[in-house]
Amino acid sequence: MCAMLVMRKATAADRRGTLYLNTTVTDPAYRDRKFGALIALWAVDQAARRGAGWVRRDCLWPGLAAYYQQQGFTLVREVEHGKYRHHMLARRAERIDLSTWFSTGTPSLPGGGR
């Protein structure tokens, strides 16, 4: 699995207080552990702890955009770029208690998400 969390200044509206979660890739053998979702929620918590207002991310596939929406991200816009359609999503930063994720070993998202 690979993930990257970076500050990104993509547009004038994004210039202040935004963390950008680049991507997560999980080995299919560990998909049921939902490590990518954990990293996304950790990023939301870290953004709040750092005083950022938002976490943004994008993807190329509608199904993945729908999965990110189950994690509390909102589809902001879709952008055509060459032969690709980018799905741009955002989620307001907030403190999230992820301790139950680790103590129970159960990969359930806070708030009832999958």
C-alpha atoms as a PDB file:
ATOM      1  CA  MET A   1       0.000   0.000   0.000  1.00  0.00           C
ATOM      2  CA  CYS A   2       1.179   3.485  -0.767  1.00  0.00           C
ATOM      3  CA  ALA A   3      -0.194   6.867   0.293  1.00  0.00           C
ATOM      4  CA  MET A   4       0.896  10.445   0.093  1.00  0.00           C
ATOM      5  CA  LEU A   5      -0.382  13.428   2.056  1.00  0.00           C
ATOM      6  CA  VAL A   6       0.787  16.779   0.744  1.00  0.00           C
ATOM      7  CA  MET A   7      -0.137  20.426   0.973  1.00  0.00           C
ATOM      8  CA  ARG A   8      -1.464  21.455  -2.400  1.00  0.00           C
ATOM      9  CA  LYS A   9      -2.437  24.814  -3.786  1.00  0.00           C
ATOM     10  CA  ALA A  10      -4.417  23.925  -6.868  1.00  0.00           C
ATOM     11  CA  THR A  11      -6.751  26.897  -7.190  1.00  0.00           C
ATOM     12  CA  ALA A  12      -7.272  30.255  -5.503  1.00  0.00           C
ATOM     13  CA  ALA A  13     -10.081  28.728  -3.435  1.00  0.00           C
ATOM     14  CA  ASP A  14      -7.721  25.968  -2.252  1.00  0.00           C
ATOM     15  CA  ARG A  15      -4.807  28.193  -1.275  1.00  0.00           C
ATOM     16  CA  ARG A  16      -5.482  28.402   2.458  1.00  0.00           C
ATOM     17  CA  GLY A  17      -5.967  25.549   4.840  1.00  0.00           C
ATOM     18  CA  THR A  18      -6.182  22.546   2.550  1.00  0.00           C
ATOM     19  CA  LEU A  19      -4.443  19.190   2.732  1.00  0.00           C
ATOM     20  CA  TYR A  20      -4.432  17.085  -0.421  1.00  0.00           C
ATOM     21  CA  LEU A  21      -4.512  13.312  -0.172  1.00  0.00           C
ATOM     22  CA  ASN A  22      -2.840  12.179  -3.359  1.00  0.00           C
ATOM     23  CA  THR A  23      -3.706   8.512  -3.580  1.00  0.00           C
ATOM     24  CA  THR A  24      -3.827   5.205  -1.798  1.00  0.00           C
ATOM     25  CA  VAL A  25      -3.235   1.797  -3.311  1.00  0.00           C
ATOM     26  CA  THR A  26      -3.877  -1.353  -1.304  1.00  0.00           C
ATOM     27  CA  ASP A  27      -2.674  -4.858  -2.090  1.00  0.00           C
ATOM     28  CA  PRO A  28      -5.846  -6.845  -2.925  1.00  0.00           C
ATOM     29  CA  ALA A  29      -4.892  -9.426  -0.297  1.00  0.00           C
ATOM     30  CA  TYR A  30      -5.467  -6.753   2.376  1.00  0.00           C
ATOM     31  CA  ARG A  31      -8.458  -4.966   0.831  1.00  0.00           C
ATOM     32  CA  ASP A  32     -10.783  -6.128   3.622  1.00  0.00           C
ATOM     33  CA  ARG A  33      -8.663  -4.200   6.176  1.00  0.00           C
ATOM     34  CA  LYS A  34      -9.589  -0.895   4.461  1.00  0.00           C
ATOM     35  CA  PHE A  35      -6.174   0.683   4.958  1.00  0.00           C
ATOM     36  CA  GLY A  36      -6.907   3.360   2.337  1.00  0.00           C
ATOM     37  CA  ALA A  37     -10.058   4.421   4.190  1.00  0.00           C
ATOM     38  CA  LEU A  38      -8.080   4.523   7.436  1.00  0.00           C
ATOM     39  CA  ILE A  39      -5.462   6.770   5.838  1.00  0.00           C
ATOM     40  CA  ALA A  40      -8.181   9.051   4.450  1.00  0.00           C
ATOM     41  CA  LEU A  41      -9.792   9.423   7.887  1.00  0.00           C
ATOM     42  CA  TRP A  42      -6.392   9.930   9.490  1.00  0.00           C
ATOM     43  CA  ALA A  43      -5.771  12.722   6.950  1.00  0.00           C
ATOM     44  CA  VAL A  44      -9.096  14.363   7.895  1.00  0.00           C
ATOM     45  CA  ASP A  45      -8.096  14.209  11.572  1.00  0.00           C
ATOM     46  CA  GLN A  46      -4.563  15.471  10.867  1.00  0.00           C
ATOM     47  CA  ALA A  47      -5.903  18.378   8.823  1.00  0.00           C
ATOM     48  CA  ALA A  48      -8.053  19.434  11.800  1.00  0.00           C
ATOM     49  CA  ARG A  49      -5.105  19.077  14.200  1.00  0.00           C
ATOM     50  CA  ARG A  50      -2.949  21.237  11.895  1.00  0.00           C
ATOM     51  CA  GLY A  51      -5.589  23.920  11.517  1.00  0.00           C
ATOM     52  CA  ALA A  52      -6.436  23.139   7.897  1.00  0.00           C
ATOM     53  CA  GLY A  53     -10.074  23.428   6.914  1.00  0.00           C
ATOM     54  CA  TRP A  54     -10.314  20.779   4.211  1.00  0.00           C
ATOM     55  CA  VAL A  55      -8.916  17.551   2.811  1.00  0.00           C
ATOM     56  CA  ARG A  56      -9.190  17.229  -0.935  1.00  0.00           C
ATOM     57  CA  ARG A  57      -8.568  14.294  -3.234  1.00  0.00           C
ATOM     58  CA  ASP A  58      -9.310  13.249  -6.773  1.00  0.00           C
ATOM     59  CA  CYS A  59      -9.616  10.089  -8.807  1.00  0.00           C
ATOM     60  CA  LEU A  60     -10.321   8.960 -12.354  1.00  0.00           C
ATOM     61  CA  TRP A  61     -13.062   6.381 -11.809  1.00  0.00           C
ATOM     62  CA  PRO A  62     -16.715   7.020 -10.906  1.00  0.00           C
ATOM     63  CA  GLY A  63     -16.832   3.889  -8.722  1.00  0.00           C
ATOM     64  CA  LEU A  64     -13.858   5.066  -6.696  1.00  0.00           C
ATOM     65  CA  ALA A  65     -15.425   8.527  -6.355  1.00  0.00           C
ATOM     66  CA  ALA A  66     -18.559   6.822  -4.988  1.00  0.00           C
ATOM     67  CA  TYR A  67     -16.421   4.858  -2.493  1.00  0.00           C
ATOM     68  CA  TYR A  68     -14.744   8.078  -1.328  1.00  0.00           C
ATOM     69  CA  GLN A  69     -18.187   9.599  -0.868  1.00  0.00           C
ATOM     70  CA  GLN A  70     -19.009   6.708   1.495  1.00  0.00           C
ATOM     71  CA  GLN A  71     -16.015   7.965   3.515  1.00  0.00           C
ATOM     72  CA  GLY A  72     -17.626  11.391   3.878  1.00  0.00           C
ATOM     73  CA  PHE A  73     -16.036  13.150   0.901  1.00  0.00           C
ATOM     74  CA  THR A  74     -18.263  15.259  -1.333  1.00  0.00           C
ATOM     75  CA  LEU A  75     -17.916  15.396  -5.100  1.00  0.00           C
ATOM     76  CA  VAL A  76     -17.070  19.046  -5.810  1.00  0.00           C
ATOM     77  CA  ARG A  77     -16.624  18.939  -9.573  1.00  0.00           C
ATOM     78  CA  GLU A  78     -15.559  16.816 -12.510  1.00  0.00           C
ATOM     79  CA  VAL A  79     -12.846  18.038 -14.835  1.00  0.00           C
ATOM     80  CA  GLU A  80     -11.886  16.764 -18.284  1.00  0.00           C
ATOM     81  CA  HIS A  81      -8.115  16.621 -18.706  1.00  0.00           C
ATOM     82  CA  GLY A  82      -6.954  15.041 -21.931  1.00  0.00           C
ATOM     83  CA  LYS A  83      -8.543  11.632 -22.222  1.00  0.00           C
ATOM     84  CA  TYR A  84      -9.335  11.476 -18.491  1.00  0.00           C
ATOM     85  CA  ARG A  85     -12.216  12.727 -16.379  1.00  0.00           C
ATOM     86  CA  HIS A  86     -11.065  13.719 -12.900  1.00  0.00           C
ATOM     87  CA  HIS A  87     -13.518  13.494 -10.017  1.00  0.00           C
ATOM     88  CA  MET A  88     -12.555  16.191  -7.485  1.00  0.00           C
ATOM     89  CA  LEU A  89     -13.720  15.578  -3.910  1.00  0.00           C
ATOM     90  CA  ALA A  90     -13.408  17.371  -0.578  1.00  0.00           C
ATOM     91  CA  ARG A  91     -14.182  16.784   3.074  1.00  0.00           C
ATOM     92  CA  ARG A  92     -14.150  19.328   5.879  1.00  0.00           C
ATOM     93  CA  ALA A  93     -11.379  18.663   8.397  1.00  0.00           C
ATOM     94  CA  GLU A  94     -12.571  17.334  11.733  1.00  0.00           C
ATOM     95  CA  ARG A  95     -11.156  15.477  14.686  1.00  0.00           C
ATOM     96  CA  ILE A  96     -11.876  11.757  14.364  1.00  0.00           C
ATOM     97  CA  ASP A  97     -11.276   9.201  17.087  1.00  0.00           C
ATOM     98  CA  LEU A  98      -9.778   6.213  15.299  1.00  0.00           C
ATOM     99  CA  SER A  99      -8.891   4.320  18.474  1.00  0.00           C
ATOM    100  CA  THR A 100     -11.751   1.826  18.082  1.00  0.00           C
ATOM    101  CA  TRP A 101     -10.432   0.930  14.634  1.00  0.00           C
ATOM    102  CA  PHE A 102      -7.238  -0.278  16.282  1.00  0.00           C
ATOM    103  CA  SER A 103      -8.647  -1.668  19.519  1.00  0.00           C
ATOM    104  CA  THR A 104     -11.321  -3.837  17.884  1.00  0.00           C
ATOM    105  CA  GLY A 105      -9.466  -4.675  14.694  1.00  0.00           C
ATOM    106  CA  THR A 106     -12.727  -4.064  12.876  1.00  0.00           C
ATOM    107  CA  PRO A 107     -12.408  -1.808   9.844  1.00  0.00           C
ATOM    108  CA  SER A 108     -15.679   0.071  10.214  1.00  0.00           C
ATOM    109  CA  LEU A 109     -15.740   3.736   9.373  1.00  0.00           C
ATOM    110  CA  PRO A 110     -16.842   6.244  11.998  1.00  0.00           C
ATOM    111  CA  GLY A 111     -20.367   7.422  11.277  1.00  0.00           C
ATOM    112  CA  GLY A 112     -21.511   4.115   9.836  1.00  0.00           C
ATOM    113  CA  GLY A 113     -19.675   4.269   6.492  1.00  0.00           C
ATOM    114  CA  ARG A 114     -18.337   1.122   4.854  1.00  0.00           C
END
